[in-house]
């Protein structure tokens, strides 16, 4: 089996690429993963000490939440602060019906040390949350939330996309999409945003409470330098 490829891109390089993205008006992909083999699926690494199992087939990474676990996160090889992450996810129908409504699939940026920006989508309820978790206690703030008609049901594919990039005055601009539809555009203040020093980008499945048996698939993952024009 090939060793996973780890990509660490200097922030100065990401800054230059971001400037290019502004000029071109389009995101610049720097990492893609079609989940087409065990080797490439292995490039996503489990974060934390949660009990999670992984598998795959038909071009997907499958993640199942284990006992006494609320969320299973797997990070990409890309390390950086100002990124654009996209993946197609399904909350699998094998998820117990009793927990489907409370279970989300998600993408995260600036993940690390219990802090992150995260777009969480609840397929059963057709709703979403754009949230900020701040260390050291991971206090959660909902930056945006609501229902969205474009969110597809359990077992159906939902294309999740989250951007995070700085404004000229030091705040962080966050833009969230599902299935190509913009859900929210939020500017987070410079002081709060500066506390999120994590550099991981990740995908996850979970709930606010123990979510044993929740299962999701992820495929067509792309990490890019974001387009600030959305």
C-alpha atoms as a PDB file:
ATOM      1  CA  UNK A   1       0.000   0.000   0.000  1.00  0.00           C
ATOM      2  CA  UNK A   2       1.301   3.467  -0.849  1.00  0.00           C
ATOM      3  CA  UNK A   3       2.095   5.818   2.002  1.00  0.00           C
ATOM      4  CA  UNK A   4      -0.470   8.611   2.436  1.00  0.00           C
ATOM      5  CA  UNK A   5       0.551  11.851   0.819  1.00  0.00           C
ATOM      6  CA  UNK A   6       0.669  14.733   3.288  1.00  0.00           C
ATOM      7  CA  UNK A   7       0.440  18.235   1.928  1.00  0.00           C
ATOM      8  CA  UNK A   8       1.646  21.177   4.000  1.00  0.00           C
ATOM      9  CA  UNK A   9       1.470  24.415   2.055  1.00  0.00           C
ATOM     10  CA  UNK A  10       3.261  27.479   3.494  1.00  0.00           C
ATOM     11  CA  UNK A  11       0.863  30.260   4.381  1.00  0.00           C
ATOM     12  CA  UNK A  12       2.800  32.692   2.191  1.00  0.00           C
ATOM     13  CA  UNK A  13       2.130  30.436  -0.784  1.00  0.00           C
ATOM     14  CA  UNK A  14      -1.534  30.199   0.133  1.00  0.00           C
ATOM     15  CA  UNK A  15      -1.653  33.978   0.392  1.00  0.00           C
ATOM     16  CA  UNK A  16      -0.228  34.371  -3.095  1.00  0.00           C
ATOM     17  CA  UNK A  17      -2.657  31.802  -4.442  1.00  0.00           C
ATOM     18  CA  UNK A  18      -5.536  33.580  -2.740  1.00  0.00           C
ATOM     19  CA  UNK A  19      -4.553  36.791  -4.485  1.00  0.00           C
ATOM     20  CA  UNK A  20      -4.564  34.909  -7.761  1.00  0.00           C
ATOM     21  CA  UNK A  21      -8.004  33.519  -6.940  1.00  0.00           C
ATOM     22  CA  UNK A  22      -9.312  37.058  -6.453  1.00  0.00           C
ATOM     23  CA  UNK A  23      -7.902  38.088  -9.822  1.00  0.00           C
ATOM     24  CA  UNK A  24      -9.283  35.045 -11.614  1.00  0.00           C
ATOM     25  CA  UNK A  25     -12.608  34.941  -9.815  1.00  0.00           C
ATOM     26  CA  UNK A  26     -12.369  31.176  -9.350  1.00  0.00           C
ATOM     27  CA  UNK A  27     -11.062  28.813  -6.638  1.00  0.00           C
ATOM     28  CA  UNK A  28      -7.718  27.128  -7.271  1.00  0.00           C
ATOM     29  CA  UNK A  29      -7.798  23.395  -6.373  1.00  0.00           C
ATOM     30  CA  UNK A  30      -4.722  22.262  -4.459  1.00  0.00           C
ATOM     31  CA  UNK A  31      -5.905  18.785  -3.396  1.00  0.00           C
ATOM     32  CA  UNK A  32      -8.498  16.358  -4.760  1.00  0.00           C
ATOM     33  CA  UNK A  33      -9.525  12.895  -3.638  1.00  0.00           C
ATOM     34  CA  UNK A  34     -12.048  10.742  -5.520  1.00  0.00           C
ATOM     35  CA  UNK A  35     -11.929   8.046  -2.776  1.00  0.00           C
ATOM     36  CA  UNK A  36     -11.257   5.545  -5.543  1.00  0.00           C
ATOM     37  CA  UNK A  37      -9.000   3.153  -3.624  1.00  0.00           C
ATOM     38  CA  UNK A  38      -7.970   2.133  -0.115  1.00  0.00           C
ATOM     39  CA  UNK A  39      -4.700   4.001  -0.552  1.00  0.00           C
ATOM     40  CA  UNK A  40      -6.241   7.355  -1.435  1.00  0.00           C
ATOM     41  CA  UNK A  41      -8.994   7.002   1.177  1.00  0.00           C
ATOM     42  CA  UNK A  42      -6.181   6.444   3.675  1.00  0.00           C
ATOM     43  CA  UNK A  43      -4.974   9.982   3.075  1.00  0.00           C
ATOM     44  CA  UNK A  44      -7.771  11.142   5.372  1.00  0.00           C
ATOM     45  CA  UNK A  45      -6.669  10.682   8.978  1.00  0.00           C
ATOM     46  CA  UNK A  46      -8.846  10.238  12.061  1.00  0.00           C
ATOM     47  CA  UNK A  47      -8.800  13.240  14.396  1.00  0.00           C
ATOM     48  CA  UNK A  48      -9.107  12.865  18.164  1.00  0.00           C
ATOM     49  CA  UNK A  49      -9.742   9.869  20.401  1.00  0.00           C
ATOM     50  CA  UNK A  50     -13.334   9.141  19.414  1.00  0.00           C
ATOM     51  CA  UNK A  51     -14.442   5.599  18.605  1.00  0.00           C
ATOM     52  CA  UNK A  52     -14.907   5.471  14.847  1.00  0.00           C
ATOM     53  CA  UNK A  53     -14.711   2.896  12.102  1.00  0.00           C
ATOM     54  CA  UNK A  54     -13.972   3.475   8.465  1.00  0.00           C
ATOM     55  CA  UNK A  55     -14.504   1.573   5.255  1.00  0.00           C
ATOM     56  CA  UNK A  56     -15.144   2.225   1.624  1.00  0.00           C
ATOM     57  CA  UNK A  57     -16.481   0.994  -1.647  1.00  0.00           C
ATOM     58  CA  UNK A  58     -17.784   2.298  -4.966  1.00  0.00           C
ATOM     59  CA  UNK A  59     -15.573   5.350  -4.662  1.00  0.00           C
ATOM     60  CA  UNK A  60     -16.544   6.536  -1.174  1.00  0.00           C
ATOM     61  CA  UNK A  61     -15.024   6.835   2.280  1.00  0.00           C
ATOM     62  CA  UNK A  62     -17.555   5.444   4.770  1.00  0.00           C
ATOM     63  CA  UNK A  63     -17.439   6.522   8.414  1.00  0.00           C
ATOM     64  CA  UNK A  64     -19.447   4.992  11.273  1.00  0.00           C
ATOM     65  CA  UNK A  65     -19.719   6.453  14.776  1.00  0.00           C
ATOM     66  CA  UNK A  66     -18.881   4.062  17.598  1.00  0.00           C
ATOM     67  CA  UNK A  67     -19.953   3.795  21.231  1.00  0.00           C
ATOM     68  CA  UNK A  68     -19.772   6.773  23.593  1.00  0.00           C
ATOM     69  CA  UNK A  69     -18.895   9.031  20.653  1.00  0.00           C
ATOM     70  CA  UNK A  70     -20.612  12.168  19.422  1.00  0.00           C
ATOM     71  CA  UNK A  71     -18.657  12.915  16.258  1.00  0.00           C
ATOM     72  CA  UNK A  72     -16.112  11.264  13.976  1.00  0.00           C
ATOM     73  CA  UNK A  73     -13.784  13.610  12.109  1.00  0.00           C
ATOM     74  CA  UNK A  74     -11.241  12.763   9.432  1.00  0.00           C
ATOM     75  CA  UNK A  75      -8.801  15.432   8.271  1.00  0.00           C
ATOM     76  CA  UNK A  76      -7.402  15.982   4.813  1.00  0.00           C
ATOM     77  CA  UNK A  77      -3.640  16.227   4.172  1.00  0.00           C
ATOM     78  CA  UNK A  78      -3.906  19.971   3.490  1.00  0.00           C
ATOM     79  CA  UNK A  79      -2.641  22.296   6.221  1.00  0.00           C
ATOM     80  CA  UNK A  80      -3.678  25.957   5.955  1.00  0.00           C
ATOM     81  CA  UNK A  81      -5.974  28.642   7.331  1.00  0.00           C
ATOM     82  CA  UNK A  82      -7.595  30.238   4.296  1.00  0.00           C
ATOM     83  CA  UNK A  83      -9.177  27.421   2.352  1.00  0.00           C
ATOM     84  CA  UNK A  84     -12.225  26.235   0.436  1.00  0.00           C
ATOM     85  CA  UNK A  85     -13.353  22.645   1.120  1.00  0.00           C
ATOM     86  CA  UNK A  86     -15.972  20.760  -0.911  1.00  0.00           C
ATOM     87  CA  UNK A  87     -17.211  17.186  -0.657  1.00  0.00           C
ATOM     88  CA  UNK A  88     -20.270  15.141  -1.552  1.00  0.00           C
ATOM     89  CA  UNK A  89     -21.707  13.396   1.492  1.00  0.00           C
ATOM     90  CA  UNK A  90     -24.577  11.055   2.244  1.00  0.00           C
ATOM     91  CA  UNK A  91     -26.064  10.315   5.632  1.00  0.00           C
ATOM     92  CA  UNK A  92     -26.500   6.608   5.041  1.00  0.00           C
ATOM     93  CA  UNK A  93     -29.900   4.971   5.461  1.00  0.00           C
ATOM     94  CA  UNK A  94     -28.310   2.405   7.780  1.00  0.00           C
ATOM     95  CA  UNK A  95     -28.140   5.121  10.448  1.00  0.00           C
ATOM     96  CA  UNK A  96     -30.655   4.114  13.176  1.00  0.00           C
ATOM     97  CA  UNK A  97     -33.950   5.908  12.576  1.00  0.00           C
ATOM     98  CA  UNK A  98     -34.035   7.089  16.200  1.00  0.00           C
ATOM     99  CA  UNK A  99     -30.969   9.306  15.670  1.00  0.00           C
ATOM    100  CA  UNK A 100     -31.323  10.353  12.031  1.00  0.00           C
ATOM    101  CA  UNK A 101     -32.955  13.701  12.838  1.00  0.00           C
ATOM    102  CA  UNK A 102     -30.151  14.756  15.193  1.00  0.00           C
ATOM    103  CA  UNK A 103     -27.275  13.549  13.010  1.00  0.00           C
ATOM    104  CA  UNK A 104     -25.315  15.876  10.769  1.00  0.00           C
ATOM    105  CA  UNK A 105     -22.707  15.554   8.049  1.00  0.00           C
ATOM    106  CA  UNK A 106     -20.136  18.331   8.007  1.00  0.00           C
ATOM    107  CA  UNK A 107     -17.031  19.995   6.651  1.00  0.00           C
ATOM    108  CA  UNK A 108     -14.663  22.021   8.818  1.00  0.00           C
ATOM    109  CA  UNK A 109     -11.853  24.541   8.436  1.00  0.00           C
ATOM    110  CA  UNK A 110      -9.229  25.891  10.877  1.00  0.00           C
ATOM    111  CA  UNK A 111      -9.768  22.708  12.867  1.00  0.00           C
ATOM    112  CA  UNK A 112      -7.489  22.002  15.820  1.00  0.00           C
ATOM    113  CA  UNK A 113      -7.157  22.202  19.601  1.00  0.00           C
ATOM    114  CA  UNK A 114     -10.949  21.959  20.024  1.00  0.00           C
ATOM    115  CA  UNK A 115     -11.657  24.952  17.790  1.00  0.00           C
ATOM    116  CA  UNK A 116     -13.040  25.087  14.258  1.00  0.00           C
ATOM    117  CA  UNK A 117     -15.383  26.651  11.758  1.00  0.00           C
ATOM    118  CA  UNK A 118     -17.927  24.055  10.651  1.00  0.00           C
ATOM    119  CA  UNK A 119     -20.800  23.744   8.205  1.00  0.00           C
ATOM    120  CA  UNK A 120     -23.133  21.033   9.540  1.00  0.00           C
ATOM    121  CA  UNK A 121     -26.069  19.776   7.472  1.00  0.00           C
ATOM    122  CA  UNK A 122     -28.937  17.704   8.923  1.00  0.00           C
ATOM    123  CA  UNK A 123     -30.400  15.736   5.983  1.00  0.00           C
ATOM    124  CA  UNK A 124     -33.377  14.361   7.900  1.00  0.00           C
ATOM    125  CA  UNK A 125     -34.526  17.835   8.975  1.00  0.00           C
ATOM    126  CA  UNK A 126     -33.431  19.704   5.859  1.00  0.00           C
ATOM    127  CA  UNK A 127     -31.545  22.225   7.979  1.00  0.00           C
ATOM    128  CA  UNK A 128     -28.014  23.524   8.466  1.00  0.00           C
ATOM    129  CA  UNK A 129     -25.780  25.289  10.983  1.00  0.00           C
ATOM    130  CA  UNK A 130     -22.682  27.380  10.342  1.00  0.00           C
ATOM    131  CA  UNK A 131     -20.851  27.404  13.636  1.00  0.00           C
ATOM    132  CA  UNK A 132     -17.681  28.462  15.405  1.00  0.00           C
ATOM    133  CA  UNK A 133     -16.134  26.420  18.193  1.00  0.00           C
ATOM    134  CA  UNK A 134     -13.565  28.345  20.242  1.00  0.00           C
ATOM    135  CA  UNK A 135     -10.822  26.833  22.433  1.00  0.00           C
ATOM    136  CA  UNK A 136      -9.982  26.058  25.159  1.00  0.00           C
ATOM    137  CA  UNK A 137     -13.503  24.885  26.056  1.00  0.00           C
ATOM    138  CA  UNK A 138     -14.899  24.715  22.509  1.00  0.00           C
ATOM    139  CA  UNK A 139     -17.693  27.163  23.329  1.00  0.00           C
ATOM    140  CA  UNK A 140     -20.065  27.007  20.354  1.00  0.00           C
ATOM    141  CA  UNK A 141     -21.556  29.984  18.559  1.00  0.00           C
ATOM    142  CA  UNK A 142     -24.106  29.596  15.775  1.00  0.00           C
ATOM    143  CA  UNK A 143     -23.090  32.088  13.107  1.00  0.00           C
ATOM    144  CA  UNK A 144     -25.999  31.122  10.846  1.00  0.00           C
ATOM    145  CA  UNK A 145     -28.711  28.471  10.798  1.00  0.00           C
ATOM    146  CA  UNK A 146     -31.931  27.628   9.048  1.00  0.00           C
ATOM    147  CA  UNK A 147     -33.873  25.396   6.695  1.00  0.00           C
ATOM    148  CA  UNK A 148     -32.871  24.998   3.064  1.00  0.00           C
ATOM    149  CA  UNK A 149     -35.023  23.442   0.377  1.00  0.00           C
ATOM    150  CA  UNK A 150     -31.926  22.327  -1.503  1.00  0.00           C
ATOM    151  CA  UNK A 151     -30.814  19.920   1.233  1.00  0.00           C
ATOM    152  CA  UNK A 152     -31.521  16.350   0.182  1.00  0.00           C
ATOM    153  CA  UNK A 153     -32.882  13.601   2.416  1.00  0.00           C
ATOM    154  CA  UNK A 154     -31.179  10.679   4.153  1.00  0.00           C
ATOM    155  CA  UNK A 155     -29.413   8.462   1.635  1.00  0.00           C
ATOM    156  CA  UNK A 156     -29.210  11.229  -0.972  1.00  0.00           C
ATOM    157  CA  UNK A 157     -26.051  13.133  -1.940  1.00  0.00           C
ATOM    158  CA  UNK A 158     -25.456  16.586  -0.498  1.00  0.00           C
ATOM    159  CA  UNK A 159     -22.549  18.612  -1.835  1.00  0.00           C
ATOM    160  CA  UNK A 160     -21.133  20.606   1.085  1.00  0.00           C
ATOM    161  CA  UNK A 161     -18.804  23.557   0.601  1.00  0.00           C
ATOM    162  CA  UNK A 162     -17.239  25.950   3.117  1.00  0.00           C
ATOM    163  CA  UNK A 163     -14.868  28.871   2.517  1.00  0.00           C
ATOM    164  CA  UNK A 164     -12.833  30.852   5.057  1.00  0.00           C
ATOM    165  CA  UNK A 165     -10.670  33.788   4.039  1.00  0.00           C
ATOM    166  CA  UNK A 166      -9.537  37.095   5.549  1.00  0.00           C
ATOM    167  CA  UNK A 167     -10.991  40.510   4.818  1.00  0.00           C
ATOM    168  CA  UNK A 168      -8.819  43.559   4.283  1.00  0.00           C
ATOM    169  CA  UNK A 169      -9.472  44.670   7.873  1.00  0.00           C
ATOM    170  CA  UNK A 170      -8.566  41.371   9.555  1.00  0.00           C
ATOM    171  CA  UNK A 171     -11.948  39.721  10.007  1.00  0.00           C
ATOM    172  CA  UNK A 172     -12.744  36.282   8.568  1.00  0.00           C
ATOM    173  CA  UNK A 173     -15.325  35.905   5.832  1.00  0.00           C
ATOM    174  CA  UNK A 174     -17.158  32.566   5.877  1.00  0.00           C
ATOM    175  CA  UNK A 175     -19.348  31.389   3.004  1.00  0.00           C
ATOM    176  CA  UNK A 176     -21.357  28.149   3.136  1.00  0.00           C
ATOM    177  CA  UNK A 177     -23.035  26.278   0.279  1.00  0.00           C
ATOM    178  CA  UNK A 178     -25.106  23.125  -0.133  1.00  0.00           C
ATOM    179  CA  UNK A 179     -25.673  21.628  -3.581  1.00  0.00           C
ATOM    180  CA  UNK A 180     -24.442  24.830  -5.212  1.00  0.00           C
ATOM    181  CA  UNK A 181     -26.801  27.124  -3.292  1.00  0.00           C
ATOM    182  CA  UNK A 182     -25.304  29.760  -1.005  1.00  0.00           C
ATOM    183  CA  UNK A 183     -26.708  29.299   2.492  1.00  0.00           C
ATOM    184  CA  UNK A 184     -24.829  31.947   4.443  1.00  0.00           C
ATOM    185  CA  UNK A 185     -22.129  34.590   4.196  1.00  0.00           C
ATOM    186  CA  UNK A 186     -20.822  35.760   7.571  1.00  0.00           C
ATOM    187  CA  UNK A 187     -17.986  38.053   8.651  1.00  0.00           C
ATOM    188  CA  UNK A 188     -16.444  36.950  11.962  1.00  0.00           C
ATOM    189  CA  UNK A 189     -14.670  39.648  13.978  1.00  0.00           C
ATOM    190  CA  UNK A 190     -10.886  39.744  13.937  1.00  0.00           C
ATOM    191  CA  UNK A 191     -10.373  39.068  17.659  1.00  0.00           C
ATOM    192  CA  UNK A 192     -12.546  35.949  17.780  1.00  0.00           C
ATOM    193  CA  UNK A 193     -11.283  34.647  14.462  1.00  0.00           C
ATOM    194  CA  UNK A 194      -7.673  34.983  15.625  1.00  0.00           C
ATOM    195  CA  UNK A 195      -8.307  32.432  18.411  1.00  0.00           C
ATOM    196  CA  UNK A 196      -8.860  29.705  15.815  1.00  0.00           C
ATOM    197  CA  UNK A 197      -5.266  28.720  15.201  1.00  0.00           C
ATOM    198  CA  UNK A 198      -5.979  25.211  13.884  1.00  0.00           C
ATOM    199  CA  UNK A 199      -4.939  24.463  10.308  1.00  0.00           C
ATOM    200  CA  UNK A 200      -6.735  21.213   9.510  1.00  0.00           C
ATOM    201  CA  UNK A 201      -9.589  20.818   7.022  1.00  0.00           C
ATOM    202  CA  UNK A 202     -11.903  17.904   7.781  1.00  0.00           C
ATOM    203  CA  UNK A 203     -15.095  15.966   7.081  1.00  0.00           C
ATOM    204  CA  UNK A 204     -17.289  14.472   9.778  1.00  0.00           C
ATOM    205  CA  UNK A 205     -20.515  12.814  10.864  1.00  0.00           C
ATOM    206  CA  UNK A 206     -22.051  13.157  14.315  1.00  0.00           C
ATOM    207  CA  UNK A 207     -24.494  14.756  16.723  1.00  0.00           C
ATOM    208  CA  UNK A 208     -24.575  16.901  19.859  1.00  0.00           C
ATOM    209  CA  UNK A 209     -25.094  13.684  21.836  1.00  0.00           C
ATOM    210  CA  UNK A 210     -23.733  10.150  21.608  1.00  0.00           C
ATOM    211  CA  UNK A 211     -24.439   9.016  18.063  1.00  0.00           C
ATOM    212  CA  UNK A 212     -23.524   5.330  17.950  1.00  0.00           C
ATOM    213  CA  UNK A 213     -24.414   3.756  14.631  1.00  0.00           C
ATOM    214  CA  UNK A 214     -24.581   6.984  12.615  1.00  0.00           C
ATOM    215  CA  UNK A 215     -22.952   6.375   9.244  1.00  0.00           C
ATOM    216  CA  UNK A 216     -22.049   8.616   6.334  1.00  0.00           C
ATOM    217  CA  UNK A 217     -20.136   8.429   3.082  1.00  0.00           C
ATOM    218  CA  UNK A 218     -17.862  11.049   1.543  1.00  0.00           C
ATOM    219  CA  UNK A 219     -16.514  11.350  -1.981  1.00  0.00           C
ATOM    220  CA  UNK A 220     -15.314  13.873  -4.584  1.00  0.00           C
ATOM    221  CA  UNK A 221     -13.324  15.851  -2.021  1.00  0.00           C
ATOM    222  CA  UNK A 222     -11.570  19.038  -3.108  1.00  0.00           C
ATOM    223  CA  UNK A 223      -9.577  21.552  -1.092  1.00  0.00           C
ATOM    224  CA  UNK A 224      -8.870  24.843  -2.824  1.00  0.00           C
ATOM    225  CA  UNK A 225      -7.826  28.412  -2.248  1.00  0.00           C
ATOM    226  CA  UNK A 226     -11.175  30.231  -1.914  1.00  0.00           C
ATOM    227  CA  UNK A 227     -12.746  32.736  -4.247  1.00  0.00           C
ATOM    228  CA  UNK A 228     -13.747  35.704  -2.053  1.00  0.00           C
ATOM    229  CA  UNK A 229     -16.431  36.660  -4.559  1.00  0.00           C
ATOM    230  CA  UNK A 230     -18.338  33.411  -3.755  1.00  0.00           C
END
